Amino acid sequence: MRTFIIIAVGLCICLALISLMPKKFQVITGLIFSLIWAIVVFWNLKLGLSHGYTLVEEAPIQLLIFIIPIAVYWGYFLFKD
């Protein structure tokens, strides 16, 4: 359940950035969002590892948590026209 909540938060942030940022700032916003989201996912990975999960168990989940919001942002940005 926590995974879906984190992905939903990432998608909400992503969609808010898409709708609120002026077009001329969308590339830099995307880069900053990607970096901050990577830090959030790394923190979540450390949290999972500290609770006894192995890296093999956590890595695919963290990859999904990272990829889905980032893909939505950059997919929209690249294919909106």
C-alpha atoms as a PDB file:
ATOM      1  CA  MET A   1       0.000   0.000   0.000  1.00  0.00           C
ATOM      2  CA  ARG A   2       2.850   2.354   0.815  1.00  0.00           C
ATOM      3  CA  THR A   3       4.239   1.882  -2.687  1.00  0.00           C
ATOM      4  CA  PHE A   4       0.995   3.008  -4.301  1.00  0.00           C
ATOM      5  CA  ILE A   5       0.771   6.023  -2.016  1.00  0.00           C
ATOM      6  CA  ILE A   6       4.310   7.126  -2.877  1.00  0.00           C
ATOM      7  CA  ILE A   7       3.657   6.670  -6.600  1.00  0.00           C
ATOM      8  CA  ALA A   8       0.402   8.640  -6.261  1.00  0.00           C
ATOM      9  CA  VAL A   9       2.221  11.463  -4.468  1.00  0.00           C
ATOM     10  CA  GLY A  10       4.842  11.507  -7.214  1.00  0.00           C
ATOM     11  CA  LEU A  11       2.158  11.632  -9.894  1.00  0.00           C
ATOM     12  CA  CYS A  12       0.332  14.452  -8.086  1.00  0.00           C
ATOM     13  CA  ILE A  13       3.528  16.474  -7.848  1.00  0.00           C
ATOM     14  CA  CYS A  14       4.296  15.700 -11.473  1.00  0.00           C
ATOM     15  CA  LEU A  15       0.867  16.794 -12.702  1.00  0.00           C
ATOM     16  CA  ALA A  16       0.972  19.923 -10.544  1.00  0.00           C
ATOM     17  CA  LEU A  17       4.320  20.877 -12.044  1.00  0.00           C
ATOM     18  CA  ILE A  18       3.053  20.235 -15.566  1.00  0.00           C
ATOM     19  CA  SER A  19      -0.001  22.418 -15.057  1.00  0.00           C
ATOM     20  CA  LEU A  20       1.548  25.228 -12.988  1.00  0.00           C
ATOM     21  CA  MET A  21       4.958  25.810 -14.572  1.00  0.00           C
ATOM     22  CA  PRO A  22       5.302  28.138 -17.533  1.00  0.00           C
ATOM     23  CA  LYS A  23       6.442  26.386 -20.691  1.00  0.00           C
ATOM     24  CA  LYS A  24       9.843  28.059 -20.720  1.00  0.00           C
ATOM     25  CA  PHE A  25      10.697  26.560 -17.301  1.00  0.00           C
ATOM     26  CA  GLN A  26       9.438  23.022 -17.925  1.00  0.00           C
ATOM     27  CA  VAL A  27      12.817  21.529 -18.859  1.00  0.00           C
ATOM     28  CA  ILE A  28      14.639  22.861 -15.806  1.00  0.00           C
ATOM     29  CA  THR A  29      11.629  21.971 -13.648  1.00  0.00           C
ATOM     30  CA  GLY A  30      11.749  18.429 -15.003  1.00  0.00           C
ATOM     31  CA  LEU A  31      15.445  18.116 -14.230  1.00  0.00           C
ATOM     32  CA  ILE A  32      14.976  19.422 -10.695  1.00  0.00           C
ATOM     33  CA  PHE A  33      11.939  17.182 -10.162  1.00  0.00           C
ATOM     34  CA  SER A  34      13.891  14.165 -11.436  1.00  0.00           C
ATOM     35  CA  LEU A  35      16.769  14.884  -9.062  1.00  0.00           C
ATOM     36  CA  ILE A  36      14.552  15.494  -6.028  1.00  0.00           C
ATOM     37  CA  TRP A  37      12.431  12.437  -6.826  1.00  0.00           C
ATOM     38  CA  ALA A  38      15.596  10.316  -7.070  1.00  0.00           C
ATOM     39  CA  ILE A  39      16.601  11.542  -3.599  1.00  0.00           C
ATOM     40  CA  VAL A  40      13.128  10.673  -2.246  1.00  0.00           C
ATOM     41  CA  VAL A  41      13.327   7.194  -3.770  1.00  0.00           C
ATOM     42  CA  PHE A  42      16.825   6.678  -2.359  1.00  0.00           C
ATOM     43  CA  TRP A  43      15.561   7.690   1.092  1.00  0.00           C
ATOM     44  CA  ASN A  44      12.673   5.239   0.723  1.00  0.00           C
ATOM     45  CA  LEU A  45      15.158   2.525  -0.289  1.00  0.00           C
ATOM     46  CA  LYS A  46      17.232   3.194   2.822  1.00  0.00           C
ATOM     47  CA  LEU A  47      14.085   3.044   4.926  1.00  0.00           C
ATOM     48  CA  GLY A  48      13.117  -0.320   3.438  1.00  0.00           C
ATOM     49  CA  LEU A  49      16.612  -1.697   3.946  1.00  0.00           C
ATOM     50  CA  SER A  50      16.620  -0.536   7.554  1.00  0.00           C
ATOM     51  CA  HIS A  51      13.395  -2.481   8.129  1.00  0.00           C
ATOM     52  CA  GLY A  52      15.039  -5.728   7.099  1.00  0.00           C
ATOM     53  CA  TYR A  53      14.216  -6.002   3.419  1.00  0.00           C
ATOM     54  CA  THR A  54      17.046  -6.986   1.088  1.00  0.00           C
ATOM     55  CA  LEU A  55      18.270  -4.944  -1.833  1.00  0.00           C
ATOM     56  CA  VAL A  56      17.012  -7.660  -4.187  1.00  0.00           C
ATOM     57  CA  GLU A  57      13.502  -7.245  -2.761  1.00  0.00           C
ATOM     58  CA  GLU A  58      13.572  -3.451  -2.704  1.00  0.00           C
ATOM     59  CA  ALA A  59      15.258  -2.611  -6.016  1.00  0.00           C
ATOM     60  CA  PRO A  60      12.371  -3.457  -8.394  1.00  0.00           C
ATOM     61  CA  ILE A  61       9.862  -1.631  -6.204  1.00  0.00           C
ATOM     62  CA  GLN A  62      12.043   1.456  -5.946  1.00  0.00           C
ATOM     63  CA  LEU A  63      12.608   1.386  -9.690  1.00  0.00           C
ATOM     64  CA  LEU A  64       8.848   1.497 -10.261  1.00  0.00           C
ATOM     65  CA  ILE A  65       8.442   4.277  -7.715  1.00  0.00           C
ATOM     66  CA  PHE A  66      11.082   6.290  -9.576  1.00  0.00           C
ATOM     67  CA  ILE A  67      10.175   5.487 -13.179  1.00  0.00           C
ATOM     68  CA  ILE A  68       6.402   6.027 -13.194  1.00  0.00           C
ATOM     69  CA  PRO A  69       6.254   9.745 -12.191  1.00  0.00           C
ATOM     70  CA  ILE A  70       9.395  10.579 -14.165  1.00  0.00           C
ATOM     71  CA  ALA A  71       8.065   8.825 -17.283  1.00  0.00           C
ATOM     72  CA  VAL A  72       4.742  10.664 -16.997  1.00  0.00           C
ATOM     73  CA  TYR A  73       6.482  14.043 -16.712  1.00  0.00           C
ATOM     74  CA  TRP A  74       8.952  13.538 -19.541  1.00  0.00           C
ATOM     75  CA  GLY A  75       6.444  11.650 -21.657  1.00  0.00           C
ATOM     76  CA  TYR A  76       4.034  14.548 -21.455  1.00  0.00           C
ATOM     77  CA  PHE A  77       6.786  17.053 -22.117  1.00  0.00           C
ATOM     78  CA  LEU A  78       8.176  15.174 -25.124  1.00  0.00           C
ATOM     79  CA  PHE A  79       4.899  14.107 -26.722  1.00  0.00           C
ATOM     80  CA  LYS A  80       2.498  16.941 -25.893  1.00  0.00           C
ATOM     81  CA  ASP A  81       2.597  18.418 -29.401  1.00  0.00           C
END
